[in-house]
Protein backbone atom coordinates (compact mmCIF):
# COMPACT_ATOMS: atom_id res chain seq x y z
CA UNK A 1 0.00 0.00 0.00
CA UNK A 2 1.29 3.46 -0.90
CA UNK A 3 1.70 6.07 1.81
CA UNK A 4 2.95 9.58 2.45
CA UNK A 5 4.86 10.33 5.65
CA UNK A 6 5.78 13.76 6.95
CA UNK A 7 8.62 13.90 9.48
CA UNK A 8 10.06 16.58 11.69
CA UNK A 9 13.15 15.74 13.74
CA UNK A 10 13.94 17.88 16.79
CA UNK A 11 17.14 16.97 18.65
CA UNK A 12 17.08 18.51 22.13
CA UNK A 13 20.71 19.59 22.29
CA UNK A 14 22.96 22.45 21.19
CA UNK A 15 24.45 20.69 18.14
CA UNK A 16 21.02 19.85 16.70
CA UNK A 17 21.75 20.95 13.12
CA UNK A 18 24.32 18.27 12.37
CA UNK A 19 21.90 15.53 13.50
CA UNK A 20 19.06 16.88 11.35
CA UNK A 21 21.32 17.20 8.30
CA UNK A 22 22.61 13.64 8.74
CA UNK A 23 19.07 12.26 9.03
CA UNK A 24 17.85 14.15 5.96
CA UNK A 25 20.84 12.92 3.92
CA UNK A 26 19.94 9.37 4.95
CA UNK A 27 16.38 9.93 3.71
CA UNK A 28 17.69 11.37 0.43
CA UNK A 29 19.87 8.29 -0.12
CA UNK A 30 16.93 5.92 0.40
CA UNK A 31 14.84 4.27 -2.31
CA UNK A 32 11.91 6.58 -1.49
CA UNK A 33 10.85 9.85 -3.03
CA UNK A 34 11.77 12.70 -0.67
CA UNK A 35 10.51 16.29 -0.67
CA UNK A 36 11.82 18.87 1.79
CA UNK A 37 10.68 22.22 3.09
CA UNK A 38 11.95 24.37 5.99
CA UNK A 39 9.58 22.79 8.52
CA UNK A 40 9.40 19.11 7.61
CA UNK A 41 10.45 16.39 5.20
CA UNK A 42 8.00 14.20 3.33
CA UNK A 43 8.75 10.72 2.02
CA UNK A 44 6.58 8.72 -0.33
CA UNK A 45 6.48 5.03 -1.19
CA UNK A 46 5.38 1.64 0.08
CA UNK A 47 4.13 1.95 3.67
CA UNK A 48 5.65 -1.25 5.04
CA UNK A 49 9.04 -0.63 3.44
CA UNK A 50 9.11 3.00 4.63
CA UNK A 51 8.19 2.09 8.21
CA UNK A 52 10.88 -0.60 8.31
CA UNK A 53 13.44 1.88 6.96
CA UNK A 54 12.33 4.66 9.33
CA UNK A 55 12.37 2.38 12.37
CA UNK A 56 15.99 1.49 11.66
CA UNK A 57 17.13 5.05 10.86
CA UNK A 58 15.23 6.69 13.70
CA UNK A 59 16.78 4.18 16.14
CA UNK A 60 20.25 5.13 14.85
CA UNK A 61 19.45 8.81 15.37
CA UNK A 62 18.23 8.13 18.89
CA UNK A 63 21.47 6.32 19.71
CA UNK A 64 23.52 9.28 18.41
CA UNK A 65 21.66 12.04 20.29
CA UNK A 66 21.07 12.80 23.95
CA UNK A 67 17.35 13.36 23.38
CA UNK A 68 15.34 13.73 20.19
CA UNK A 69 11.70 14.18 19.22
CA UNK A 70 10.24 12.85 15.98
CA UNK A 71 6.90 14.18 14.79
CA UNK A 72 5.28 11.97 12.16
CA UNK A 73 2.12 12.20 10.08
CA UNK A 74 1.07 9.27 7.92
CA UNK A 75 -1.46 9.37 5.08
CA UNK A 76 -2.65 6.27 3.27
CA UNK A 77 -1.96 7.40 -0.29
CA UNK A 78 0.95 8.74 -2.28
CA UNK A 79 0.44 12.53 -2.22
CA UNK A 80 3.75 13.60 -3.80
CA UNK A 81 2.00 15.16 -6.78
CA UNK A 82 -0.65 17.06 -4.79
CA UNK A 83 -1.46 20.52 -6.12
CA UNK A 84 -3.99 22.86 -4.52
CA UNK A 85 -7.18 23.26 -6.54
CA UNK A 86 -7.99 26.78 -5.30
């Protein structure tokens, strides 16, 4: 099943930028379509494969940071080509 996932990573430490950049680069190198904006990153693809990938990569990020928050929104459909109609 196709899905769209929006992620925001918030490391709770002074050197937060390097952790966010590393995580985004990992997403970019994945098999999934990735779109970025200043507030969040969206990835699109197969739900099960994305969740498996994200579980592994989020765990790595958690091991490398003192404390980190991940905000995630999941939509059951691939919305990468969404364009407003108004």
